[in-house]
Amino acid sequence: TIHDSEEIKNWFYPELSEALRGDGEAAEWFAKFLDSPRRVVLEVKPTQRIAYDGEKMGIDTQAWIKQAKEVAGND
């Protein structure tokens, strides 16, 4: 969703600035920097989560290789 309303910008810029710069002057400066002409706020809603488990992948990959070798006759 593309948001260009002042209401959203007035809420979002300070929130983002505090999250990135902490409280204080740096956050205030960054919020003012973000508030520039024609800037919009993009809202992204995740529809799927793809997890990564390196240990599980390694185990499953070794099992797949072993099975592929057995099928090919290359024990």
PDB file of N, CA and C in Angstrom:
ATOM      1  N   THR A   1       0.850  -1.169   0.000  1.00  0.00           N
ATOM      2  CA  THR A   1       0.000   0.000   0.000  1.00  0.00           C
ATOM      3  C   THR A   1       0.894   1.230   0.000  1.00  0.00           C
ATOM      4  N   ILE A   2       0.574   2.206  -0.814  1.00  0.00           N
ATOM      5  CA  ILE A   2       1.322   3.455  -0.866  1.00  0.00           C
ATOM      6  C   ILE A   2       0.558   4.501  -0.073  1.00  0.00           C
ATOM      7  N   HIS A   3       1.221   5.064   0.927  1.00  0.00           N
ATOM      8  CA  HIS A   3       0.610   6.099   1.760  1.00  0.00           C
ATOM      9  C   HIS A   3       1.272   7.432   1.451  1.00  0.00           C
ATOM     10  N   ASP A   4       0.460   8.432   1.124  1.00  0.00           N
ATOM     11  CA  ASP A   4       1.012   9.768   0.899  1.00  0.00           C
ATOM     12  C   ASP A   4       0.339  10.818   1.778  1.00  0.00           C
ATOM     13  N   SER A   5      -0.459  10.371   2.734  1.00  0.00           N
ATOM     14  CA  SER A   5      -1.169  11.319   3.603  1.00  0.00           C
ATOM     15  C   SER A   5      -0.226  11.888   4.664  1.00  0.00           C
ATOM     16  N   GLU A   6      -0.460  13.122   5.034  1.00  0.00           N
ATOM     17  CA  GLU A   6       0.341  13.773   6.069  1.00  0.00           C
ATOM     18  C   GLU A   6       0.156  13.077   7.416  1.00  0.00           C
ATOM     19  N   GLU A   7      -1.038  12.549   7.655  1.00  0.00           N
ATOM     20  CA  GLU A   7      -1.311  11.851   8.916  1.00  0.00           C
ATOM     21  C   GLU A   7      -0.361  10.661   9.089  1.00  0.00           C
ATOM     22  N   ILE A   8      -0.212   9.851   8.054  1.00  0.00           N
ATOM     23  CA  ILE A   8       0.684   8.691   8.115  1.00  0.00           C
ATOM     24  C   ILE A   8       2.131   9.151   8.249  1.00  0.00           C
ATOM     25  N   LYS A   9       2.531  10.131   7.445  1.00  0.00           N
ATOM     26  CA  LYS A   9       3.912  10.624   7.503  1.00  0.00           C
ATOM     27  C   LYS A   9       4.245  11.182   8.882  1.00  0.00           C
ATOM     28  N   ASN A  10       3.316  11.943   9.465  1.00  0.00           N
ATOM     29  CA  ASN A  10       3.545  12.543  10.784  1.00  0.00           C
ATOM     30  C   ASN A  10       3.675  11.494  11.884  1.00  0.00           C
ATOM     31  N   TRP A  11       3.058  10.343  11.681  1.00  0.00           N
ATOM     32  CA  TRP A  11       3.189   9.242  12.636  1.00  0.00           C
ATOM     33  C   TRP A  11       4.451   8.419  12.354  1.00  0.00           C
ATOM     34  N   PHE A  12       4.677   8.097  11.064  1.00  0.00           N
ATOM     35  CA  PHE A  12       5.725   7.140  10.703  1.00  0.00           C
ATOM     36  C   PHE A  12       7.138   7.697  10.816  1.00  0.00           C
ATOM     37  N   TYR A  13       7.383   8.890  10.322  1.00  0.00           N
ATOM     38  CA  TYR A  13       8.745   9.424  10.315  1.00  0.00           C
ATOM     39  C   TYR A  13       9.363   9.485  11.713  1.00  0.00           C
ATOM     40  N   PRO A  14       8.659  10.024  12.713  1.00  0.00           N
ATOM     41  CA  PRO A  14       9.251  10.018  14.061  1.00  0.00           C
ATOM     42  C   PRO A  14       9.461   8.607  14.623  1.00  0.00           C
ATOM     43  N   GLU A  15       8.525   7.697  14.347  1.00  0.00           N
ATOM     44  CA  GLU A  15       8.673   6.318  14.836  1.00  0.00           C
ATOM     45  C   GLU A  15       9.907   5.659  14.228  1.00  0.00           C
ATOM     46  N   LEU A  16      10.060   5.780  12.924  1.00  0.00           N
ATOM     47  CA  LEU A  16      11.217   5.198  12.244  1.00  0.00           C
ATOM     48  C   LEU A  16      12.503   5.849  12.731  1.00  0.00           C
ATOM     49  N   SER A  17      12.485   7.154  12.859  1.00  0.00           N
ATOM     50  CA  SER A  17      13.676   7.885  13.291  1.00  0.00           C
ATOM     51  C   SER A  17      14.129   7.465  14.682  1.00  0.00           C
ATOM     52  N   GLU A  18      13.189   7.317  15.603  1.00  0.00           N
ATOM     53  CA  GLU A  18      13.545   6.877  16.954  1.00  0.00           C
ATOM     54  C   GLU A  18      14.073   5.450  16.957  1.00  0.00           C
ATOM     55  N   ALA A  19      13.500   4.589  16.112  1.00  0.00           N
ATOM     56  CA  ALA A  19      13.966   3.205  16.038  1.00  0.00           C
ATOM     57  C   ALA A  19      15.397   3.131  15.506  1.00  0.00           C
ATOM     58  N   LEU A  20      15.732   4.009  14.567  1.00  0.00           N
ATOM     59  CA  LEU A  20      17.059   3.972  13.958  1.00  0.00           C
ATOM     60  C   LEU A  20      18.086   4.832  14.678  1.00  0.00           C
ATOM     61  N   ARG A  21      17.662   5.969  15.225  1.00  0.00           N
ATOM     62  CA  ARG A  21      18.601   6.945  15.797  1.00  0.00           C
ATOM     63  C   ARG A  21      18.468   7.124  17.303  1.00  0.00           C
ATOM     64  N   GLY A  22      17.482   6.462  17.909  1.00  0.00           N
ATOM     65  CA  GLY A  22      17.261   6.645  19.338  1.00  0.00           C
ATOM     66  C   GLY A  22      16.532   7.949  19.611  1.00  0.00           C
ATOM     67  N   ASP A  23      16.342   8.239  20.876  1.00  0.00           N
ATOM     68  CA  ASP A  23      15.692   9.501  21.256  1.00  0.00           C
ATOM     69  C   ASP A  23      16.661  10.656  21.069  1.00  0.00           C
ATOM     70  N   GLY A  24      16.121  11.831  20.874  1.00  0.00           N
ATOM     71  CA  GLY A  24      16.970  13.008  20.886  1.00  0.00           C
ATOM     72  C   GLY A  24      17.106  13.716  19.555  1.00  0.00           C
ATOM     73  N   GLU A  25      18.149  14.531  19.500  1.00  0.00           N
ATOM     74  CA  GLU A  25      18.357  15.427  18.365  1.00  0.00           C
ATOM     75  C   GLU A  25      18.578  14.680  17.049  1.00  0.00           C
ATOM     76  N   ALA A  26      19.311  13.580  17.084  1.00  0.00           N
ATOM     77  CA  ALA A  26      19.572  12.819  15.858  1.00  0.00           C
ATOM     78  C   ALA A  26      18.273  12.286  15.263  1.00  0.00           C
ATOM     79  N   ALA A  27      17.370  11.815  16.113  1.00  0.00           N
ATOM     80  CA  ALA A  27      16.082  11.309  15.637  1.00  0.00           C
ATOM     81  C   ALA A  27      15.234  12.435  15.071  1.00  0.00           C
ATOM     82  N   GLU A  28      15.228  13.572  15.744  1.00  0.00           N
ATOM     83  CA  GLU A  28      14.460  14.722  15.250  1.00  0.00           C
ATOM     84  C   GLU A  28      14.980  15.184  13.895  1.00  0.00           C
ATOM     85  N   TRP A  29      16.297  15.254  13.756  1.00  0.00           N
ATOM     86  CA  TRP A  29      16.901  15.667  12.485  1.00  0.00           C
ATOM     87  C   TRP A  29      16.529  14.690  11.370  1.00  0.00           C
ATOM     88  N   PHE A  30      16.619  13.389  11.664  1.00  0.00           N
ATOM     89  CA  PHE A  30      16.330  12.381  10.645  1.00  0.00           C
ATOM     90  C   PHE A  30      14.865  12.434  10.221  1.00  0.00           C
ATOM     91  N   ALA A  31      13.954  12.638  11.160  1.00  0.00           N
ATOM     92  CA  ALA A  31      12.526  12.750  10.828  1.00  0.00           C
ATOM     93  C   ALA A  31      12.288  13.943   9.909  1.00  0.00           C
ATOM     94  N   LYS A  32      12.945  15.056  10.184  1.00  0.00           N
ATOM     95  CA  LYS A  32      12.813  16.231   9.311  1.00  0.00           C
ATOM     96  C   LYS A  32      13.407  15.950   7.937  1.00  0.00           C
ATOM     97  N   PHE A  33      14.514  15.222   7.894  1.00  0.00           N
ATOM     98  CA  PHE A  33      15.145  14.844   6.630  1.00  0.00           C
ATOM     99  C   PHE A  33      14.201  13.990   5.781  1.00  0.00           C
ATOM    100  N   LEU A  34      13.501  13.061   6.423  1.00  0.00           N
ATOM    101  CA  LEU A  34      12.581  12.185   5.696  1.00  0.00           C
ATOM    102  C   LEU A  34      11.393  12.944   5.125  1.00  0.00           C
ATOM    103  N   ASP A  35      10.972  13.990   5.797  1.00  0.00           N
ATOM    104  CA  ASP A  35       9.784  14.741   5.382  1.00  0.00           C
ATOM    105  C   ASP A  35      10.137  15.674   4.230  1.00  0.00           C
ATOM    106  N   SER A  36      10.195  15.095   3.035  1.00  0.00           N
ATOM    107  CA  SER A  36      10.543  15.871   1.846  1.00  0.00           C
ATOM    108  C   SER A  36       9.424  15.754   0.812  1.00  0.00           C
ATOM    109  N   PRO A  37       9.387  16.658  -0.147  1.00  0.00           N
ATOM    110  CA  PRO A  37       8.310  16.639  -1.148  1.00  0.00           C
ATOM    111  C   PRO A  37       8.263  15.316  -1.919  1.00  0.00           C
ATOM    112  N   ARG A  38       7.072  14.876  -2.203  1.00  0.00           N
ATOM    113  CA  ARG A  38       6.790  13.689  -3.021  1.00  0.00           C
ATOM    114  C   ARG A  38       7.230  12.374  -2.389  1.00  0.00           C
ATOM    115  N   ARG A  39       7.678  12.391  -1.153  1.00  0.00           N
ATOM    116  CA  ARG A  39       8.049  11.142  -0.478  1.00  0.00           C
ATOM    117  C   ARG A  39       6.772  10.419  -0.043  1.00  0.00           C
ATOM    118  N   VAL A  40       6.776   9.107  -0.135  1.00  0.00           N
ATOM    119  CA  VAL A  40       5.639   8.285   0.274  1.00  0.00           C
ATOM    120  C   VAL A  40       6.122   7.229   1.267  1.00  0.00           C
ATOM    121  N   VAL A  41       5.180   6.611   1.944  1.00  0.00           N
ATOM    122  CA  VAL A  41       5.471   5.511   2.855  1.00  0.00           C
ATOM    123  C   VAL A  41       4.886   4.252   2.237  1.00  0.00           C
ATOM    124  N   LEU A  42       5.725   3.238   2.062  1.00  0.00           N
ATOM    125  CA  LEU A  42       5.266   1.966   1.510  1.00  0.00           C
ATOM    126  C   LEU A  42       4.958   1.006   2.647  1.00  0.00           C
ATOM    127  N   GLU A  43       3.769   0.444   2.624  1.00  0.00           N
ATOM    128  CA  GLU A  43       3.366  -0.554   3.616  1.00  0.00           C
ATOM    129  C   GLU A  43       3.395  -1.913   2.945  1.00  0.00           C
ATOM    130  N   VAL A  44       4.172  -2.819   3.512  1.00  0.00           N
ATOM    131  CA  VAL A  44       4.315  -4.162   2.954  1.00  0.00           C
ATOM    132  C   VAL A  44       3.707  -5.153   3.937  1.00  0.00           C
ATOM    133  N   LYS A  45       2.786  -5.966   3.457  1.00  0.00           N
ATOM    134  CA  LYS A  45       2.156  -6.988   4.294  1.00  0.00           C
ATOM    135  C   LYS A  45       2.665  -8.355   3.846  1.00  0.00           C
ATOM    136  N   PRO A  46       3.422  -9.036   4.693  1.00  0.00           N
ATOM    137  CA  PRO A  46       3.938 -10.346   4.310  1.00  0.00           C
ATOM    138  C   PRO A  46       2.804 -11.349   4.116  1.00  0.00           C
ATOM    139  N   THR A  47       2.934 -12.167   3.100  1.00  0.00           N
ATOM    140  CA  THR A  47       1.918 -13.179   2.820  1.00  0.00           C
ATOM    141  C   THR A  47       2.451 -14.590   3.024  1.00  0.00           C
ATOM    142  N   GLN A  48       3.784 -14.720   3.163  1.00  0.00           N
ATOM    143  CA  GLN A  48       4.369 -16.035   3.342  1.00  0.00           C
ATOM    144  C   GLN A  48       5.681 -15.880   4.104  1.00  0.00           C
ATOM    145  N   ARG A  49       6.002 -16.851   4.920  1.00  0.00           N
ATOM    146  CA  ARG A  49       7.271 -16.851   5.642  1.00  0.00           C
ATOM    147  C   ARG A  49       8.042 -18.084   5.233  1.00  0.00           C
ATOM    148  N   ILE A  50       9.244 -17.870   4.755  1.00  0.00           N
ATOM    149  CA  ILE A  50      10.104 -18.976   4.368  1.00  0.00           C
ATOM    150  C   ILE A  50      11.252 -19.023   5.372  1.00  0.00           C
ATOM    151  N   ALA A  51      11.260 -20.044   6.190  1.00  0.00           N
ATOM    152  CA  ALA A  51      12.266 -20.161   7.241  1.00  0.00           C
ATOM    153  C   ALA A  51      13.543 -20.790   6.689  1.00  0.00           C
ATOM    154  N   TYR A  52      14.649 -20.540   7.376  1.00  0.00           N
ATOM    155  CA  TYR A  52      15.926 -21.132   7.000  1.00  0.00           C
ATOM    156  C   TYR A  52      16.513 -21.800   8.232  1.00  0.00           C
ATOM    157  N   ASP A  53      16.818 -23.075   8.101  1.00  0.00           N
ATOM    158  CA  ASP A  53      17.445 -23.837   9.173  1.00  0.00           C
ATOM    159  C   ASP A  53      18.651 -24.538   8.558  1.00  0.00           C
ATOM    160  N   GLY A  54      19.824 -23.942   8.714  1.00  0.00           N
ATOM    161  CA  GLY A  54      21.040 -24.454   8.082  1.00  0.00           C
ATOM    162  C   GLY A  54      21.399 -25.860   8.524  1.00  0.00           C
ATOM    163  N   GLU A  55      21.226 -26.154   9.803  1.00  0.00           N
ATOM    164  CA  GLU A  55      21.553 -27.485  10.308  1.00  0.00           C
ATOM    165  C   GLU A  55      20.649 -28.543   9.678  1.00  0.00           C
ATOM    166  N   LYS A  56      19.347 -28.270   9.640  1.00  0.00           N
ATOM    167  CA  LYS A  56      18.399 -29.206   9.026  1.00  0.00           C
ATOM    168  C   LYS A  56      18.697 -29.370   7.539  1.00  0.00           C
ATOM    169  N   MET A  57      19.029 -28.260   6.868  1.00  0.00           N
ATOM    170  CA  MET A  57      19.329 -28.337   5.443  1.00  0.00           C
ATOM    171  C   MET A  57      20.548 -29.223   5.190  1.00  0.00           C
ATOM    172  N   GLY A  58      21.585 -29.091   6.029  1.00  0.00           N
ATOM    173  CA  GLY A  58      22.783 -29.910   5.868  1.00  0.00           C
ATOM    174  C   GLY A  58      22.487 -31.390   6.023  1.00  0.00           C
ATOM    175  N   ILE A  59      21.707 -31.727   7.044  1.00  0.00           N
ATOM    176  CA  ILE A  59      21.336 -33.127   7.282  1.00  0.00           C
ATOM    177  C   ILE A  59      20.512 -33.666   6.117  1.00  0.00           C
ATOM    178  N   ASP A  60      19.516 -32.914   5.685  1.00  0.00           N
ATOM    179  CA  ASP A  60      18.656 -33.350   4.582  1.00  0.00           C
ATOM    180  C   ASP A  60      19.435 -33.459   3.271  1.00  0.00           C
ATOM    181  N   THR A  61      20.385 -32.547   3.056  1.00  0.00           N
ATOM    182  CA  THR A  61      21.188 -32.593   1.829  1.00  0.00           C
ATOM    183  C   THR A  61      22.051 -33.847   1.808  1.00  0.00           C
ATOM    184  N   GLN A  62      22.689 -34.179   2.938  1.00  0.00           N
ATOM    185  CA  GLN A  62      23.507 -35.390   3.001  1.00  0.00           C
ATOM    186  C   GLN A  62      22.658 -36.641   2.764  1.00  0.00           C
ATOM    187  N   ALA A  63      21.451 -36.669   3.329  1.00  0.00           N
ATOM    188  CA  ALA A  63      20.552 -37.808   3.114  1.00  0.00           C
ATOM    189  C   ALA A  63      20.155 -37.908   1.648  1.00  0.00           C
ATOM    190  N   TRP A  64      19.901 -36.773   1.004  1.00  0.00           N
ATOM    191  CA  TRP A  64      19.519 -36.775  -0.411  1.00  0.00           C
ATOM    192  C   TRP A  64      20.682 -37.268  -1.265  1.00  0.00           C
ATOM    193  N   ILE A  65      21.904 -36.816  -0.974  1.00  0.00           N
ATOM    194  CA  ILE A  65      23.080 -37.252  -1.736  1.00  0.00           C
ATOM    195  C   ILE A  65      23.273 -38.757  -1.589  1.00  0.00           C
ATOM    196  N   LYS A  66      23.130 -39.267  -0.362  1.00  0.00           N
ATOM    197  CA  LYS A  66      23.282 -40.701  -0.123  1.00  0.00           C
ATOM    198  C   LYS A  66      22.253 -41.487  -0.928  1.00  0.00           C
ATOM    199  N   GLN A  67      20.998 -41.022  -0.913  1.00  0.00           N
ATOM    200  CA  GLN A  67      19.943 -41.711  -1.658  1.00  0.00           C
ATOM    201  C   GLN A  67      20.213 -41.645  -3.158  1.00  0.00           C
ATOM    202  N   ALA A  68      20.653 -40.507  -3.659  1.00  0.00           N
ATOM    203  CA  ALA A  68      20.929 -40.356  -5.089  1.00  0.00           C
ATOM    204  C   ALA A  68      22.052 -41.295  -5.524  1.00  0.00           C
ATOM    205  N   LYS A  69      23.074 -41.456  -4.686  1.00  0.00           N
ATOM    206  CA  LYS A  69      24.176 -42.365  -5.004  1.00  0.00           C
ATOM    207  C   LYS A  69      23.703 -43.813  -5.020  1.00  0.00           C
ATOM    208  N   GLU A  70      22.821 -44.170  -4.075  1.00  0.00           N
ATOM    209  CA  GLU A  70      22.291 -45.532  -4.026  1.00  0.00           C
ATOM    210  C   GLU A  70      21.470 -45.834  -5.269  1.00  0.00           C
ATOM    211  N   VAL A  71      20.660 -44.878  -5.695  1.00  0.00           N
ATOM    212  CA  VAL A  71      19.831 -45.062  -6.888  1.00  0.00           C
ATOM    213  C   VAL A  71      20.714 -45.200  -8.122  1.00  0.00           C
ATOM    214  N   ALA A  72      21.801 -44.435  -8.165  1.00  0.00           N
ATOM    215  CA  ALA A  72      22.702 -44.477  -9.314  1.00  0.00           C
ATOM    216  C   ALA A  72      23.645 -45.672  -9.251  1.00  0.00           C
ATOM    217  N   GLY A  73      23.695 -46.366  -8.105  1.00  0.00           N
ATOM    218  CA  GLY A  73      24.573 -47.515  -7.950  1.00  0.00           C
ATOM    219  C   GLY A  73      25.997 -47.117  -7.618  1.00  0.00           C
ATOM    220  N   ASN A  74      26.190 -45.946  -7.070  1.00  0.00           N
ATOM    221  CA  ASN A  74      27.524 -45.462  -6.698  1.00  0.00           C
ATOM    222  C   ASN A  74      27.673 -45.412  -5.183  1.00  0.00           C
ATOM    223  N   ASP A  75      27.441 -46.535  -4.515  1.00  0.00           N
ATOM    224  CA  ASP A  75      27.508 -46.543  -3.048  1.00  0.00           C
ATOM    225  C   ASP A  75      28.828 -46.017  -2.658  1.00  0.00           C
TER     226      ASP A  75
END
